[in-house]
Amino acid sequence: MPVNKKEITKTQILKAIKCKTADELLELAKAEGYDITKEEAEAYFAEISDMELDSEKLKKIAGGIETCWAVDGCSWHC
């Protein structure tokens, strides 16, 4: 399935942030049941690779604020 920002969990985000390469992110996405291309994984990885989430942002993500996950050109707006 494609990435649906409303369905991504805090645990999935934390796993994604720990990925060291776009290939690792691609493998993680597939393991979590998401069907993304290598190009999409590279784009997502570029957005998250330099980010660190503080506890306040994680609370917002866990609470379901839908603009916190970078999908379809959307950036982190927490």
N, C-alpha and C. Protein backbone atom coordinates (compact mmCIF):
# COMPACT_ATOMS: atom_id res chain seq x y z
N MET A 1 0.85 -1.18 0.00
CA MET A 1 0.00 0.00 0.00
C MET A 1 0.89 1.24 0.00
N PRO A 2 0.45 2.32 -0.60
CA PRO A 2 1.24 3.56 -0.55
C PRO A 2 1.23 4.13 0.87
N VAL A 3 2.14 5.04 1.13
CA VAL A 3 2.25 5.65 2.45
C VAL A 3 1.04 6.55 2.68
N ASN A 4 0.36 6.33 3.80
CA ASN A 4 -0.76 7.18 4.20
C ASN A 4 -0.34 7.85 5.50
N LYS A 5 -0.12 9.15 5.45
CA LYS A 5 0.42 9.86 6.61
C LYS A 5 -0.48 9.76 7.84
N LYS A 6 -1.74 9.47 7.67
CA LYS A 6 -2.64 9.34 8.81
C LYS A 6 -2.48 8.00 9.53
N GLU A 7 -1.83 7.05 8.87
CA GLU A 7 -1.70 5.72 9.45
C GLU A 7 -0.31 5.43 10.01
N ILE A 8 0.64 6.31 9.80
CA ILE A 8 2.00 6.08 10.27
C ILE A 8 2.05 6.26 11.78
N THR A 9 2.63 5.28 12.45
CA THR A 9 2.69 5.33 13.91
C THR A 9 3.99 5.97 14.38
N LYS A 10 4.00 6.36 15.64
CA LYS A 10 5.21 6.92 16.25
C LYS A 10 6.35 5.91 16.16
N THR A 11 6.05 4.66 16.39
CA THR A 11 7.07 3.61 16.32
C THR A 11 7.67 3.53 14.91
N GLN A 12 6.84 3.62 13.90
CA GLN A 12 7.32 3.58 12.52
C GLN A 12 8.21 4.79 12.22
N ILE A 13 7.83 5.94 12.71
CA ILE A 13 8.64 7.14 12.50
C ILE A 13 9.99 7.00 13.18
N LEU A 14 9.99 6.50 14.40
CA LEU A 14 11.25 6.30 15.11
C LEU A 14 12.15 5.31 14.38
N LYS A 15 11.57 4.25 13.84
CA LYS A 15 12.34 3.29 13.06
C LYS A 15 12.91 3.95 11.80
N ALA A 16 12.10 4.76 11.14
CA ALA A 16 12.53 5.42 9.91
C ALA A 16 13.69 6.37 10.17
N ILE A 17 13.62 7.10 11.26
CA ILE A 17 14.67 8.05 11.61
C ILE A 17 15.99 7.34 11.87
N LYS A 18 15.93 6.11 12.33
CA LYS A 18 17.15 5.35 12.62
C LYS A 18 17.81 4.78 11.37
N CYS A 19 17.12 4.80 10.24
CA CYS A 19 17.70 4.26 9.01
C CYS A 19 18.90 5.10 8.60
N LYS A 20 19.95 4.41 8.17
CA LYS A 20 21.19 5.07 7.79
C LYS A 20 21.27 5.36 6.29
N THR A 21 20.44 4.67 5.49
CA THR A 21 20.44 4.87 4.05
C THR A 21 19.01 4.81 3.52
N ALA A 22 18.86 5.28 2.29
CA ALA A 22 17.55 5.19 1.65
C ALA A 22 17.16 3.74 1.41
N ASP A 23 18.16 2.89 1.16
CA ASP A 23 17.87 1.46 0.97
C ASP A 23 17.33 0.84 2.24
N GLU A 24 17.88 1.23 3.40
CA GLU A 24 17.36 0.73 4.68
C GLU A 24 15.92 1.20 4.87
N LEU A 25 15.65 2.46 4.51
CA LEU A 25 14.30 2.99 4.64
C LEU A 25 13.34 2.25 3.71
N LEU A 26 13.80 1.93 2.51
CA LEU A 26 12.99 1.17 1.56
C LEU A 26 12.67 -0.21 2.13
N GLU A 27 13.66 -0.88 2.69
CA GLU A 27 13.44 -2.19 3.30
C GLU A 27 12.46 -2.10 4.47
N LEU A 28 12.63 -1.07 5.30
CA LEU A 28 11.72 -0.88 6.43
C LEU A 28 10.29 -0.66 5.94
N ALA A 29 10.13 0.20 4.95
CA ALA A 29 8.79 0.47 4.42
C ALA A 29 8.13 -0.82 3.93
N LYS A 30 8.88 -1.61 3.19
CA LYS A 30 8.32 -2.87 2.69
C LYS A 30 7.99 -3.83 3.83
N ALA A 31 8.84 -3.88 4.85
CA ALA A 31 8.58 -4.73 6.01
C ALA A 31 7.33 -4.29 6.76
N GLU A 32 7.06 -2.98 6.73
CA GLU A 32 5.88 -2.43 7.41
C GLU A 32 4.62 -2.48 6.53
N GLY A 33 4.78 -3.00 5.30
CA GLY A 33 3.62 -3.17 4.42
C GLY A 33 3.37 -2.01 3.47
N TYR A 34 4.33 -1.11 3.32
CA TYR A 34 4.19 0.03 2.41
C TYR A 34 4.91 -0.26 1.11
N ASP A 35 4.28 0.06 0.01
CA ASP A 35 4.85 -0.17 -1.31
C ASP A 35 5.36 1.17 -1.84
N ILE A 36 6.66 1.41 -1.69
CA ILE A 36 7.24 2.65 -2.20
C ILE A 36 8.38 2.29 -3.15
N THR A 37 8.69 3.22 -4.04
CA THR A 37 9.78 3.02 -4.98
C THR A 37 11.09 3.46 -4.34
N LYS A 38 12.18 3.08 -4.97
CA LYS A 38 13.49 3.51 -4.49
C LYS A 38 13.58 5.03 -4.52
N GLU A 39 13.04 5.65 -5.55
CA GLU A 39 13.06 7.11 -5.66
C GLU A 39 12.28 7.76 -4.51
N GLU A 40 11.12 7.19 -4.16
CA GLU A 40 10.35 7.71 -3.04
C GLU A 40 11.12 7.55 -1.74
N ALA A 41 11.75 6.38 -1.56
CA ALA A 41 12.54 6.15 -0.35
C ALA A 41 13.67 7.17 -0.26
N GLU A 42 14.32 7.45 -1.38
CA GLU A 42 15.41 8.44 -1.38
C GLU A 42 14.90 9.82 -1.01
N ALA A 43 13.72 10.19 -1.53
CA ALA A 43 13.14 11.49 -1.21
C ALA A 43 12.75 11.58 0.26
N TYR A 44 12.10 10.53 0.78
CA TYR A 44 11.73 10.52 2.20
C TYR A 44 12.97 10.56 3.07
N PHE A 45 13.98 9.77 2.69
CA PHE A 45 15.21 9.71 3.47
C PHE A 45 15.89 11.09 3.51
N ALA A 46 15.91 11.78 2.40
CA ALA A 46 16.52 13.10 2.36
C ALA A 46 15.83 14.05 3.33
N GLU A 47 14.52 13.92 3.46
CA GLU A 47 13.78 14.80 4.37
C GLU A 47 14.00 14.45 5.84
N ILE A 48 14.12 13.17 6.15
CA ILE A 48 14.21 12.78 7.56
C ILE A 48 15.64 12.60 8.05
N SER A 49 16.60 12.50 7.14
CA SER A 49 17.96 12.16 7.56
C SER A 49 18.61 13.22 8.44
N ASP A 50 18.22 14.48 8.28
CA ASP A 50 18.82 15.54 9.08
C ASP A 50 17.94 15.98 10.24
N MET A 51 16.86 15.26 10.49
CA MET A 51 15.91 15.68 11.51
C MET A 51 16.12 14.93 12.81
N GLU A 52 15.92 15.64 13.88
CA GLU A 52 15.83 15.02 15.19
C GLU A 52 14.54 15.53 15.80
N LEU A 53 13.77 14.64 16.33
CA LEU A 53 12.50 15.04 16.91
C LEU A 53 12.64 15.19 18.42
N ASP A 54 12.20 16.33 18.91
CA ASP A 54 12.19 16.48 20.35
C ASP A 54 10.92 15.84 20.90
N SER A 55 10.83 15.72 22.19
CA SER A 55 9.69 15.02 22.79
C SER A 55 8.37 15.70 22.48
N GLU A 56 8.35 17.01 22.35
CA GLU A 56 7.11 17.71 22.03
C GLU A 56 6.61 17.34 20.63
N LYS A 57 7.52 17.27 19.67
CA LYS A 57 7.12 16.90 18.32
C LYS A 57 6.64 15.45 18.28
N LEU A 58 7.30 14.58 19.03
CA LEU A 58 6.86 13.19 19.07
C LEU A 58 5.46 13.07 19.66
N LYS A 59 5.16 13.88 20.68
CA LYS A 59 3.81 13.86 21.26
C LYS A 59 2.78 14.27 20.22
N LYS A 60 3.12 15.30 19.42
CA LYS A 60 2.19 15.74 18.38
C LYS A 60 1.97 14.66 17.34
N ILE A 61 3.06 14.01 16.94
CA ILE A 61 2.94 12.94 15.95
C ILE A 61 2.11 11.81 16.52
N ALA A 62 2.40 11.41 17.73
CA ALA A 62 1.66 10.32 18.36
C ALA A 62 0.20 10.68 18.53
N GLY A 63 -0.09 11.96 18.68
CA GLY A 63 -1.46 12.41 18.83
C GLY A 63 -2.22 12.48 17.53
N GLY A 64 -1.52 12.28 16.42
CA GLY A 64 -2.21 12.19 15.13
C GLY A 64 -2.28 13.47 14.34
N ILE A 65 -1.47 14.46 14.64
CA ILE A 65 -1.48 15.65 13.80
C ILE A 65 -0.98 15.24 12.43
N GLU A 66 -1.83 15.41 11.42
CA GLU A 66 -1.53 14.81 10.13
C GLU A 66 -0.50 15.55 9.30
N THR A 67 -0.05 16.71 9.69
CA THR A 67 0.95 17.41 8.89
C THR A 67 2.37 17.13 9.37
N CYS A 68 2.54 16.20 10.26
CA CYS A 68 3.87 15.93 10.80
C CYS A 68 4.68 14.92 10.03
N TRP A 69 4.16 14.30 9.05
CA TRP A 69 4.93 13.32 8.30
C TRP A 69 5.11 13.80 6.87
N ALA A 70 6.29 13.78 6.38
CA ALA A 70 6.61 14.30 5.06
C ALA A 70 6.13 13.33 3.98
N VAL A 71 5.01 13.66 3.37
CA VAL A 71 4.43 12.83 2.31
C VAL A 71 3.89 13.76 1.24
N ASP A 72 4.01 13.37 0.01
CA ASP A 72 3.45 14.13 -1.10
C ASP A 72 3.88 15.59 -1.09
N GLY A 73 5.14 15.85 -0.82
CA GLY A 73 5.65 17.20 -0.86
C GLY A 73 5.41 18.00 0.42
N CYS A 74 4.71 17.42 1.37
CA CYS A 74 4.44 18.09 2.63
C CYS A 74 5.67 18.00 3.52
N SER A 75 5.97 19.04 4.24
CA SER A 75 7.09 19.01 5.17
C SER A 75 6.60 18.90 6.60
N TRP A 76 7.54 18.76 7.48
CA TRP A 76 7.21 18.71 8.91
C TRP A 76 6.71 20.10 9.32
N HIS A 77 5.54 20.15 9.88
CA HIS A 77 4.97 21.41 10.32
C HIS A 77 4.59 21.39 11.79
N CYS A 78 5.16 20.51 12.55
CA CYS A 78 4.78 20.36 13.96
C CYS A 78 5.09 21.63 14.72
